[in-house]
N, C-alpha and C. Protein backbone atom coordinates (compact mmCIF):
# COMPACT_ATOMS: atom_id res chain seq x y z
N MET A 1 31.94 -75.63 38.18
CA MET A 1 31.79 -74.34 37.53
C MET A 1 31.61 -73.28 38.60
N ASN A 2 32.48 -72.30 38.65
CA ASN A 2 32.36 -71.18 39.56
C ASN A 2 31.93 -69.95 38.77
N LEU A 3 30.96 -69.24 39.29
CA LEU A 3 30.51 -68.03 38.64
C LEU A 3 30.74 -66.87 39.58
N HIS A 4 31.19 -65.77 39.05
CA HIS A 4 31.43 -64.59 39.87
C HIS A 4 30.23 -63.66 39.76
N LEU A 5 29.58 -63.42 40.86
CA LEU A 5 28.44 -62.51 40.91
C LEU A 5 28.84 -61.36 41.82
N GLY A 6 29.17 -60.23 41.24
CA GLY A 6 29.66 -59.13 42.04
C GLY A 6 30.98 -59.55 42.65
N ASN A 7 31.10 -59.44 43.97
CA ASN A 7 32.32 -59.86 44.65
C ASN A 7 32.19 -61.26 45.21
N GLU A 8 31.04 -61.87 45.04
CA GLU A 8 30.82 -63.20 45.59
C GLU A 8 31.23 -64.27 44.59
N LYS A 9 31.70 -65.37 45.11
CA LYS A 9 31.98 -66.54 44.27
C LYS A 9 30.90 -67.56 44.59
N THR A 10 30.13 -67.93 43.59
CA THR A 10 29.01 -68.83 43.81
C THR A 10 29.29 -70.16 43.12
N LYS A 11 29.13 -71.24 43.87
CA LYS A 11 29.28 -72.58 43.30
C LYS A 11 27.90 -73.10 42.92
N LEU A 12 27.82 -73.68 41.76
CA LEU A 12 26.56 -74.27 41.32
C LEU A 12 26.58 -75.77 41.59
N THR A 13 25.43 -76.29 42.00
CA THR A 13 25.30 -77.73 42.18
C THR A 13 25.35 -78.41 40.83
N LYS A 14 25.53 -79.71 40.84
CA LYS A 14 25.54 -80.49 39.60
C LYS A 14 24.22 -80.31 38.85
N GLY A 15 23.09 -80.35 39.59
CA GLY A 15 21.78 -80.17 38.97
C GLY A 15 21.62 -78.80 38.33
N CYS A 16 22.10 -77.76 39.03
CA CYS A 16 22.02 -76.39 38.49
C CYS A 16 22.84 -76.26 37.21
N LYS A 17 24.03 -76.84 37.23
CA LYS A 17 24.89 -76.77 36.04
C LYS A 17 24.19 -77.41 34.84
N LYS A 18 23.58 -78.59 35.08
CA LYS A 18 22.92 -79.33 34.01
C LYS A 18 21.72 -78.54 33.48
N VAL A 19 20.90 -78.01 34.39
CA VAL A 19 19.71 -77.24 33.98
C VAL A 19 20.14 -76.00 33.21
N LEU A 20 21.15 -75.30 33.69
CA LEU A 20 21.64 -74.10 33.00
C LEU A 20 22.17 -74.44 31.61
N GLU A 21 22.88 -75.54 31.51
CA GLU A 21 23.41 -75.99 30.22
C GLU A 21 22.27 -76.21 29.21
N TYR A 22 21.21 -76.90 29.63
CA TYR A 22 20.09 -77.17 28.73
C TYR A 22 19.29 -75.90 28.44
N LEU A 23 19.11 -75.07 29.43
CA LEU A 23 18.35 -73.83 29.22
C LEU A 23 19.05 -72.92 28.22
N LYS A 24 20.37 -72.90 28.25
CA LYS A 24 21.14 -72.09 27.29
C LYS A 24 20.91 -72.59 25.87
N ARG A 25 20.70 -73.88 25.71
CA ARG A 25 20.49 -74.47 24.38
C ARG A 25 19.11 -74.16 23.81
N LEU A 26 18.14 -73.98 24.69
CA LEU A 26 16.78 -73.67 24.23
C LEU A 26 16.74 -72.19 23.88
N ASP A 27 16.25 -71.85 22.72
CA ASP A 27 16.35 -70.49 22.21
C ASP A 27 15.14 -69.63 22.55
N ASP A 28 14.23 -70.15 23.34
CA ASP A 28 13.00 -69.43 23.64
C ASP A 28 12.72 -69.55 25.13
N LEU A 29 11.77 -68.79 25.62
CA LEU A 29 11.35 -68.96 27.01
C LEU A 29 10.91 -70.41 27.18
N SER A 30 11.36 -71.05 28.23
CA SER A 30 11.11 -72.48 28.41
C SER A 30 10.59 -72.78 29.80
N SER A 31 9.66 -73.70 29.89
CA SER A 31 9.12 -74.13 31.18
C SER A 31 10.04 -75.20 31.77
N ALA A 32 9.85 -75.47 33.05
CA ALA A 32 10.60 -76.55 33.70
C ALA A 32 10.32 -77.87 32.98
N GLN A 33 9.07 -78.06 32.56
CA GLN A 33 8.69 -79.28 31.83
C GLN A 33 9.44 -79.38 30.50
N ASP A 34 9.59 -78.24 29.79
CA ASP A 34 10.33 -78.22 28.52
C ASP A 34 11.78 -78.67 28.75
N ILE A 35 12.40 -78.09 29.76
CA ILE A 35 13.80 -78.38 30.06
C ILE A 35 13.94 -79.86 30.46
N TYR A 36 13.07 -80.30 31.34
CA TYR A 36 13.09 -81.70 31.80
C TYR A 36 12.89 -82.66 30.62
N GLY A 37 11.94 -82.36 29.75
CA GLY A 37 11.67 -83.21 28.60
C GLY A 37 12.88 -83.35 27.69
N LEU A 38 13.55 -82.24 27.41
CA LEU A 38 14.75 -82.29 26.57
C LEU A 38 15.85 -83.09 27.25
N MET A 39 16.03 -82.86 28.54
CA MET A 39 17.07 -83.58 29.27
C MET A 39 16.82 -85.10 29.23
N ARG A 40 15.56 -85.50 29.45
CA ARG A 40 15.23 -86.93 29.49
C ARG A 40 15.40 -87.59 28.12
N THR A 41 15.15 -86.87 27.04
CA THR A 41 15.31 -87.47 25.71
C THR A 41 16.78 -87.67 25.36
N GLU A 42 17.65 -86.89 25.96
CA GLU A 42 19.07 -86.97 25.62
C GLU A 42 19.93 -87.70 26.65
N ASP A 43 19.43 -87.81 27.88
CA ASP A 43 20.27 -88.38 28.93
C ASP A 43 19.40 -89.19 29.90
N ALA A 44 19.55 -90.50 29.87
CA ALA A 44 18.75 -91.37 30.75
C ALA A 44 19.06 -91.11 32.23
N LYS A 45 20.23 -90.54 32.53
CA LYS A 45 20.62 -90.24 33.91
C LYS A 45 20.34 -88.78 34.28
N ALA A 46 19.50 -88.12 33.51
CA ALA A 46 19.18 -86.72 33.78
C ALA A 46 18.47 -86.60 35.13
N PRO A 47 18.64 -85.45 35.80
CA PRO A 47 17.97 -85.25 37.08
C PRO A 47 16.45 -85.29 36.91
N GLY A 48 15.74 -85.55 38.01
CA GLY A 48 14.29 -85.60 37.99
C GLY A 48 13.67 -84.22 37.90
N LEU A 49 12.38 -84.19 37.70
CA LEU A 49 11.65 -82.93 37.54
C LEU A 49 11.76 -82.06 38.79
N THR A 50 11.72 -82.66 39.97
CA THR A 50 11.85 -81.89 41.21
C THR A 50 13.19 -81.17 41.26
N THR A 51 14.25 -81.85 40.85
CA THR A 51 15.58 -81.23 40.81
C THR A 51 15.62 -80.09 39.80
N VAL A 52 14.94 -80.25 38.68
CA VAL A 52 14.88 -79.18 37.68
C VAL A 52 14.22 -77.95 38.29
N TYR A 53 13.08 -78.13 38.96
CA TYR A 53 12.40 -77.00 39.60
C TYR A 53 13.28 -76.34 40.66
N ARG A 54 13.90 -77.15 41.52
CA ARG A 54 14.78 -76.60 42.57
C ARG A 54 15.97 -75.86 41.98
N SER A 55 16.52 -76.43 40.92
CA SER A 55 17.68 -75.80 40.27
C SER A 55 17.29 -74.47 39.65
N LEU A 56 16.13 -74.43 39.01
CA LEU A 56 15.66 -73.18 38.42
C LEU A 56 15.46 -72.11 39.50
N GLU A 57 14.87 -72.49 40.63
CA GLU A 57 14.68 -71.54 41.73
C GLU A 57 16.02 -70.99 42.20
N ALA A 58 17.01 -71.87 42.35
CA ALA A 58 18.34 -71.45 42.80
C ALA A 58 18.99 -70.53 41.77
N LEU A 59 18.86 -70.85 40.49
CA LEU A 59 19.45 -70.03 39.43
C LEU A 59 18.79 -68.65 39.36
N VAL A 60 17.48 -68.59 39.62
CA VAL A 60 16.78 -67.31 39.67
C VAL A 60 17.32 -66.48 40.83
N LEU A 61 17.45 -67.09 42.00
CA LEU A 61 17.97 -66.39 43.18
C LEU A 61 19.39 -65.87 42.96
N GLN A 62 20.16 -66.60 42.18
CA GLN A 62 21.55 -66.20 41.90
C GLN A 62 21.63 -65.17 40.77
N GLY A 63 20.50 -64.87 40.13
CA GLY A 63 20.49 -63.87 39.08
C GLY A 63 20.99 -64.35 37.73
N LEU A 64 21.07 -65.67 37.55
CA LEU A 64 21.55 -66.23 36.29
C LEU A 64 20.41 -66.60 35.35
N VAL A 65 19.21 -66.70 35.90
CA VAL A 65 18.02 -67.06 35.13
C VAL A 65 16.90 -66.13 35.57
N GLN A 66 16.08 -65.74 34.62
CA GLN A 66 14.91 -64.91 34.90
C GLN A 66 13.66 -65.74 34.68
N GLU A 67 12.71 -65.61 35.62
CA GLU A 67 11.43 -66.29 35.41
C GLU A 67 10.45 -65.27 34.85
N VAL A 68 9.61 -65.75 33.96
CA VAL A 68 8.65 -64.90 33.26
C VAL A 68 7.27 -65.55 33.34
N MET A 69 6.28 -64.76 33.67
CA MET A 69 4.90 -65.25 33.71
C MET A 69 4.21 -64.77 32.42
N LEU A 70 3.63 -65.72 31.70
CA LEU A 70 2.98 -65.38 30.43
C LEU A 70 1.46 -65.39 30.54
N GLY A 71 0.96 -65.43 31.76
CA GLY A 71 -0.48 -65.33 31.96
C GLY A 71 -1.22 -66.65 31.96
N ASP A 72 -0.50 -67.77 31.77
CA ASP A 72 -1.17 -69.07 31.74
C ASP A 72 -0.93 -69.87 33.02
N GLY A 73 -0.30 -69.25 34.01
CA GLY A 73 -0.05 -69.91 35.29
C GLY A 73 1.24 -70.71 35.34
N GLU A 74 1.92 -70.87 34.24
CA GLU A 74 3.18 -71.63 34.22
C GLU A 74 4.35 -70.68 34.02
N LYS A 75 5.35 -70.80 34.87
CA LYS A 75 6.54 -69.95 34.74
C LYS A 75 7.39 -70.43 33.57
N ARG A 76 7.97 -69.47 32.89
CA ARG A 76 8.94 -69.76 31.84
C ARG A 76 10.27 -69.16 32.30
N TYR A 77 11.35 -69.65 31.75
CA TYR A 77 12.67 -69.25 32.20
C TYR A 77 13.55 -68.92 31.01
N GLU A 78 14.52 -68.01 31.24
CA GLU A 78 15.54 -67.70 30.25
C GLU A 78 16.82 -67.32 30.97
N VAL A 79 17.94 -67.57 30.32
CA VAL A 79 19.24 -67.24 30.88
C VAL A 79 19.47 -65.74 30.72
N VAL A 80 19.99 -65.11 31.77
CA VAL A 80 20.36 -63.69 31.73
C VAL A 80 21.74 -63.54 32.37
N HIS A 81 22.40 -62.44 32.06
CA HIS A 81 23.65 -62.11 32.75
C HIS A 81 23.28 -61.56 34.12
N PRO A 82 24.11 -61.77 35.13
CA PRO A 82 23.80 -61.25 36.47
C PRO A 82 23.43 -59.77 36.44
N GLY A 83 22.31 -59.44 37.06
CA GLY A 83 21.84 -58.06 37.11
C GLY A 83 21.00 -57.64 35.92
N GLU A 84 20.96 -58.45 34.89
CA GLU A 84 20.21 -58.14 33.67
C GLU A 84 18.78 -58.67 33.80
N HIS A 85 17.85 -58.04 33.11
CA HIS A 85 16.49 -58.57 33.03
C HIS A 85 15.92 -58.21 31.67
N HIS A 86 14.91 -58.92 31.27
CA HIS A 86 14.29 -58.71 29.97
C HIS A 86 12.79 -58.51 30.13
N HIS A 87 12.21 -57.84 29.17
CA HIS A 87 10.77 -57.70 29.08
C HIS A 87 10.33 -58.34 27.77
N HIS A 88 9.05 -58.68 27.66
CA HIS A 88 8.58 -59.42 26.49
C HIS A 88 7.22 -58.92 26.00
N LEU A 89 7.01 -59.09 24.71
CA LEU A 89 5.69 -58.95 24.11
C LEU A 89 5.17 -60.37 23.97
N VAL A 90 3.96 -60.64 24.40
CA VAL A 90 3.42 -61.99 24.39
C VAL A 90 2.12 -62.02 23.60
N CYS A 91 2.08 -62.89 22.59
CA CYS A 91 0.87 -63.03 21.78
C CYS A 91 -0.13 -63.92 22.52
N GLN A 92 -1.33 -63.41 22.70
CA GLN A 92 -2.36 -64.16 23.41
C GLN A 92 -3.02 -65.21 22.51
N SER A 93 -2.70 -65.19 21.24
CA SER A 93 -3.29 -66.15 20.32
C SER A 93 -2.37 -67.38 20.15
N CYS A 94 -1.10 -67.14 19.83
CA CYS A 94 -0.19 -68.26 19.56
C CYS A 94 0.86 -68.47 20.66
N SER A 95 0.88 -67.61 21.66
CA SER A 95 1.82 -67.67 22.80
C SER A 95 3.26 -67.35 22.45
N LYS A 96 3.50 -66.90 21.22
CA LYS A 96 4.86 -66.50 20.85
C LYS A 96 5.26 -65.30 21.70
N SER A 97 6.53 -65.25 22.10
CA SER A 97 7.01 -64.10 22.86
C SER A 97 8.17 -63.45 22.13
N VAL A 98 8.25 -62.15 22.25
CA VAL A 98 9.32 -61.38 21.62
C VAL A 98 10.08 -60.67 22.74
N HIS A 99 11.36 -60.86 22.77
CA HIS A 99 12.23 -60.24 23.76
C HIS A 99 12.45 -58.77 23.38
N LEU A 100 12.22 -57.87 24.33
CA LEU A 100 12.49 -56.45 24.10
C LEU A 100 13.92 -56.15 24.54
N ASP A 101 14.66 -55.44 23.70
CA ASP A 101 16.08 -55.19 23.97
C ASP A 101 16.32 -54.10 25.01
N GLU A 102 15.33 -53.28 25.28
CA GLU A 102 15.55 -52.22 26.24
C GLU A 102 14.52 -52.26 27.36
N CYS A 103 14.89 -51.71 28.49
CA CYS A 103 13.97 -51.64 29.63
C CYS A 103 13.12 -50.39 29.48
N LEU A 104 11.82 -50.56 29.49
CA LEU A 104 10.89 -49.46 29.29
C LEU A 104 10.46 -48.80 30.59
N ILE A 105 10.94 -49.30 31.72
CA ILE A 105 10.44 -48.84 33.00
C ILE A 105 11.44 -48.01 33.80
N GLU A 106 12.72 -48.04 33.46
CA GLU A 106 13.73 -47.40 34.29
C GLU A 106 13.46 -45.91 34.52
N GLN A 107 13.06 -45.16 33.50
CA GLN A 107 12.75 -43.74 33.69
C GLN A 107 11.53 -43.57 34.60
N PHE A 108 10.55 -44.42 34.45
CA PHE A 108 9.36 -44.38 35.29
C PHE A 108 9.74 -44.64 36.76
N GLU A 109 10.67 -45.56 36.99
CA GLU A 109 11.14 -45.84 38.35
C GLU A 109 11.77 -44.60 38.98
N GLU A 110 12.57 -43.88 38.20
CA GLU A 110 13.19 -42.64 38.70
C GLU A 110 12.14 -41.62 39.11
N THR A 111 11.11 -41.49 38.29
CA THR A 111 10.02 -40.56 38.59
C THR A 111 9.33 -40.94 39.89
N ILE A 112 9.07 -42.23 40.06
CA ILE A 112 8.42 -42.73 41.29
C ILE A 112 9.31 -42.46 42.50
N LYS A 113 10.59 -42.71 42.34
CA LYS A 113 11.54 -42.50 43.44
C LYS A 113 11.54 -41.02 43.87
N LYS A 114 11.59 -40.13 42.89
CA LYS A 114 11.60 -38.68 43.19
C LYS A 114 10.27 -38.22 43.78
N SER A 115 9.18 -38.69 43.23
CA SER A 115 7.85 -38.25 43.68
C SER A 115 7.43 -38.83 45.01
N HIS A 116 7.76 -40.09 45.25
CA HIS A 116 7.24 -40.80 46.41
C HIS A 116 8.31 -41.29 47.38
N GLY A 117 9.58 -41.14 47.02
CA GLY A 117 10.64 -41.63 47.87
C GLY A 117 10.67 -43.14 47.99
N PHE A 118 10.05 -43.80 47.03
CA PHE A 118 9.92 -45.26 47.05
C PHE A 118 11.11 -45.87 46.32
N GLN A 119 11.83 -46.76 47.00
CA GLN A 119 12.99 -47.42 46.41
C GLN A 119 12.55 -48.75 45.78
N ILE A 120 12.50 -48.79 44.48
CA ILE A 120 12.07 -50.00 43.77
C ILE A 120 13.24 -50.96 43.69
N LYS A 121 13.00 -52.21 44.08
CA LYS A 121 14.04 -53.25 44.08
C LYS A 121 14.04 -54.07 42.79
N SER A 122 12.87 -54.27 42.20
CA SER A 122 12.78 -55.02 40.95
C SER A 122 11.43 -54.74 40.31
N HIS A 123 11.31 -55.15 39.06
CA HIS A 123 10.03 -55.00 38.35
C HIS A 123 9.95 -56.06 37.26
N MET A 124 8.72 -56.28 36.79
CA MET A 124 8.48 -57.20 35.68
C MET A 124 7.51 -56.51 34.74
N LEU A 125 7.72 -56.68 33.46
CA LEU A 125 6.81 -56.12 32.48
C LEU A 125 6.67 -57.10 31.32
N GLU A 126 5.47 -57.57 31.14
CA GLU A 126 5.15 -58.41 30.00
C GLU A 126 3.92 -57.76 29.37
N LEU A 127 3.98 -57.46 28.09
CA LEU A 127 2.87 -56.84 27.38
C LEU A 127 2.15 -57.91 26.56
N PHE A 128 0.83 -58.00 26.74
CA PHE A 128 0.05 -59.04 26.09
C PHE A 128 -0.80 -58.43 24.98
N GLY A 129 -0.87 -59.12 23.86
CA GLY A 129 -1.66 -58.66 22.72
C GLY A 129 -1.65 -59.71 21.64
N ILE A 130 -1.75 -59.26 20.40
CA ILE A 130 -1.78 -60.16 19.25
C ILE A 130 -0.61 -59.82 18.34
N CYS A 131 0.19 -60.83 18.00
CA CYS A 131 1.35 -60.61 17.12
C CYS A 131 0.88 -60.32 15.68
N GLN A 132 1.78 -59.82 14.88
CA GLN A 132 1.45 -59.47 13.49
C GLN A 132 0.96 -60.68 12.69
N ASP A 133 1.60 -61.84 12.87
CA ASP A 133 1.18 -63.05 12.13
C ASP A 133 -0.26 -63.42 12.46
N CYS A 134 -0.60 -63.40 13.75
CA CYS A 134 -1.97 -63.76 14.16
C CYS A 134 -2.98 -62.71 13.71
N ALA A 135 -2.57 -61.45 13.77
CA ALA A 135 -3.46 -60.37 13.31
C ALA A 135 -3.74 -60.53 11.81
N ASN A 136 -2.71 -60.89 11.04
CA ASN A 136 -2.89 -61.10 9.60
C ASN A 136 -3.82 -62.28 9.34
N LYS A 137 -3.69 -63.37 10.10
CA LYS A 137 -4.57 -64.53 9.94
C LYS A 137 -6.01 -64.16 10.25
N GLU A 138 -6.22 -63.37 11.32
CA GLU A 138 -7.58 -62.96 11.71
C GLU A 138 -8.21 -62.08 10.66
N SER A 139 -7.41 -61.22 10.02
CA SER A 139 -7.99 -60.31 9.02
C SER A 139 -8.38 -61.04 7.73
N ARG A 140 -7.75 -62.20 7.48
CA ARG A 140 -8.07 -63.00 6.29
C ARG A 140 -9.36 -63.79 6.46
N VAL A 141 -9.75 -64.01 7.69
CA VAL A 141 -10.93 -64.85 7.95
C VAL A 141 -12.20 -64.08 7.73
């Protein structure tokens, strides 16, 4: 599988291809353990956990996967198009995450650039709180 990233042609290793294939099938932010667990249940010849971690790191560097920190110390991953990134709302009660369709920081970055001459290379934004379902459960108690 060859992927075109800008003007570069990037070849993916067999492990990267397999991890990307499984990550695409998972519909939510997924940990390396989640991906590995699914792979092992479906394929006895699936790569080991170390290969899954290495593959995820490589896919992040290539811009095909985004890593997300949800505040529990474990990275989660999701597939993105090259150059794309996502932000999330994260429930601190049930750990559900909601993908935000728009970037809320781009205008703020422009202001910082104009005010301070600072060239921002990347950013991450995860908002933590309580989802509507959990808030409704708490109000019933």
